[in-house]
Amino acid sequence: MRLGAIDQEHTDAVIAHMMRDPSQPSAIIASDNLVGRQVFRSLRSLGLSVPNDVSLISYFNPDWTTVTSPPVTVVDQPVYDMGPIAAERLIARIEGSNEPVRTINVSTALISKGSVGKPG
């Protein structure tokens, strides 16, 4: 896990460091679609091919993932369903709810679009 992809410049530095490492990754899973786009750009700026040099998966399913070459594989999340659930839980906590912490599962789907290759 790598942190620090707060903007394109920082993402470029994180990805360059990862890809110089002797144990460089064969795949990168970006934490969200904004970081995914930055990672895609970083890999391209290093002259790396997705998925030939490194596979890429991102979260959510924004339009940009369909117009890249190759299109980026995503884990689609129901973010518009997750928002109200999170807001309700937060408001209950703010209002003093003593309800115990609980896990709420939401359905996701892997949408393969071409950015995942065979492990090298």
Protein backbone atom coordinates (compact mmCIF):
# COMPACT_ATOMS: atom_id res chain seq x y z
CA MET A 1 0.00 0.00 0.00
CA ARG A 2 1.27 3.44 -0.89
CA LEU A 3 -0.07 6.75 0.36
CA GLY A 4 0.42 10.28 -0.89
CA ALA A 5 -1.45 10.40 -4.20
CA ILE A 6 -2.95 13.77 -3.28
CA ASP A 7 -2.41 15.35 -6.69
CA GLN A 8 -0.78 14.49 -10.02
CA GLU A 9 2.69 15.58 -8.95
CA HIS A 10 2.65 13.44 -5.82
CA THR A 11 1.11 10.51 -7.67
CA ASP A 12 3.87 10.74 -10.29
CA ALA A 13 6.46 10.51 -7.51
CA VAL A 14 4.75 7.57 -5.79
CA ILE A 15 4.36 5.61 -9.03
CA ALA A 16 7.91 6.37 -10.21
CA HIS A 17 9.27 5.11 -6.87
CA MET A 18 7.14 1.95 -7.05
CA MET A 19 8.17 1.16 -10.58
CA ARG A 20 11.91 1.65 -9.84
CA ASP A 21 11.74 -0.82 -6.97
CA PRO A 22 13.26 -4.24 -7.78
CA SER A 23 10.00 -5.84 -6.66
CA GLN A 24 7.86 -3.54 -8.77
CA PRO A 25 4.17 -4.42 -8.86
CA SER A 26 2.52 -6.32 -11.68
CA ALA A 27 -0.77 -4.60 -10.81
CA ILE A 28 -2.01 -1.45 -9.11
CA ILE A 29 -5.42 -1.06 -7.49
CA ALA A 30 -6.28 2.61 -7.10
CA SER A 31 -8.35 3.58 -4.06
CA ASP A 32 -10.81 5.70 -6.02
CA ASN A 33 -11.45 7.00 -9.52
CA LEU A 34 -9.52 10.26 -9.07
CA VAL A 35 -6.41 8.42 -7.92
CA GLY A 36 -6.98 5.87 -10.69
CA ARG A 37 -6.89 8.58 -13.33
CA GLN A 38 -3.72 10.04 -11.83
CA VAL A 39 -2.08 6.60 -11.71
CA PHE A 40 -3.01 5.99 -15.36
CA ARG A 41 -1.42 9.30 -16.34
CA SER A 42 1.68 8.56 -14.25
CA LEU A 43 2.19 5.17 -15.85
CA ARG A 44 1.82 6.67 -19.31
CA SER A 45 4.27 9.47 -18.51
CA LEU A 46 6.83 6.81 -17.54
CA GLY A 47 6.32 5.15 -20.92
CA LEU A 48 4.69 2.09 -19.35
CA SER A 49 1.96 0.13 -21.07
CA VAL A 50 -1.27 -0.79 -19.34
CA PRO A 51 -1.74 -3.80 -19.11
CA ASN A 52 1.47 -5.10 -20.75
CA ASP A 53 3.81 -3.62 -18.12
CA VAL A 54 1.38 -3.24 -15.24
CA SER A 55 -2.32 -3.93 -14.75
CA LEU A 56 -4.62 -1.24 -13.36
CA ILE A 57 -7.94 -1.45 -11.53
CA SER A 58 -9.79 1.53 -10.12
CA TYR A 59 -12.91 2.03 -8.01
CA PHE A 60 -16.23 3.52 -9.09
CA ASN A 61 -17.11 3.58 -12.80
CA PRO A 62 -16.58 7.10 -14.17
CA ASP A 63 -16.77 7.94 -17.87
CA TRP A 64 -13.02 8.52 -18.19
CA THR A 65 -12.38 4.78 -17.71
CA THR A 66 -14.11 4.07 -21.03
CA VAL A 67 -12.17 6.57 -23.16
CA THR A 68 -8.64 5.52 -22.24
CA SER A 69 -6.66 3.01 -24.24
CA PRO A 70 -7.17 0.44 -22.93
CA PRO A 71 -10.35 1.15 -21.02
CA VAL A 72 -9.73 0.75 -17.26
CA THR A 73 -11.19 -2.18 -15.32
CA VAL A 74 -13.19 -1.00 -12.31
CA VAL A 75 -14.82 -2.20 -9.13
CA ASP A 76 -18.17 -0.49 -9.48
CA GLN A 77 -19.60 0.71 -6.18
CA PRO A 78 -23.10 2.04 -5.55
CA VAL A 79 -21.74 5.35 -4.23
CA TYR A 80 -25.11 7.07 -4.48
CA ASP A 81 -26.57 4.39 -2.22
CA MET A 82 -23.61 4.50 0.17
CA GLY A 83 -23.89 8.25 0.77
CA PRO A 84 -27.28 8.27 2.52
CA ILE A 85 -26.32 5.24 4.62
CA ALA A 86 -23.13 6.96 5.78
CA ALA A 87 -24.97 10.23 6.43
CA GLU A 88 -27.65 8.51 8.51
CA ARG A 89 -25.01 6.73 10.60
CA LEU A 90 -23.05 9.97 11.10
CA ILE A 91 -26.13 11.97 12.10
CA ALA A 92 -27.14 9.26 14.58
CA ARG A 93 -23.67 9.43 16.17
CA ILE A 94 -23.75 13.22 16.34
CA GLU A 95 -27.16 13.02 18.01
CA GLY A 96 -25.73 10.68 20.65
CA SER A 97 -26.80 7.27 19.43
CA ASN A 98 -25.19 4.45 21.39
CA GLU A 99 -25.95 1.90 18.70
CA PRO A 100 -22.98 -0.45 18.38
CA VAL A 101 -20.70 -0.29 15.37
CA ARG A 102 -21.97 -2.55 12.62
CA THR A 103 -20.86 -3.64 9.22
CA ILE A 104 -23.05 -2.70 6.30
CA ASN A 105 -22.45 -4.64 3.10
CA VAL A 106 -23.16 -3.14 -0.29
CA SER A 107 -22.98 -4.96 -3.59
CA THR A 108 -20.10 -4.26 -5.94
CA ALA A 109 -19.28 -5.53 -9.39
CA LEU A 110 -15.99 -6.05 -11.20
CA ILE A 111 -16.32 -4.60 -14.69
CA SER A 112 -13.48 -5.87 -16.88
CA LYS A 113 -12.54 -3.40 -19.58
CA GLY A 114 -9.06 -4.36 -20.70
CA SER A 115 -6.52 -2.90 -18.25
CA VAL A 116 -5.70 -6.23 -16.58
CA GLY A 117 -3.15 -8.51 -18.18
CA LYS A 118 -1.64 -11.84 -17.38
CA PRO A 119 0.86 -11.71 -14.49
CA GLY A 120 4.42 -11.47 -15.77
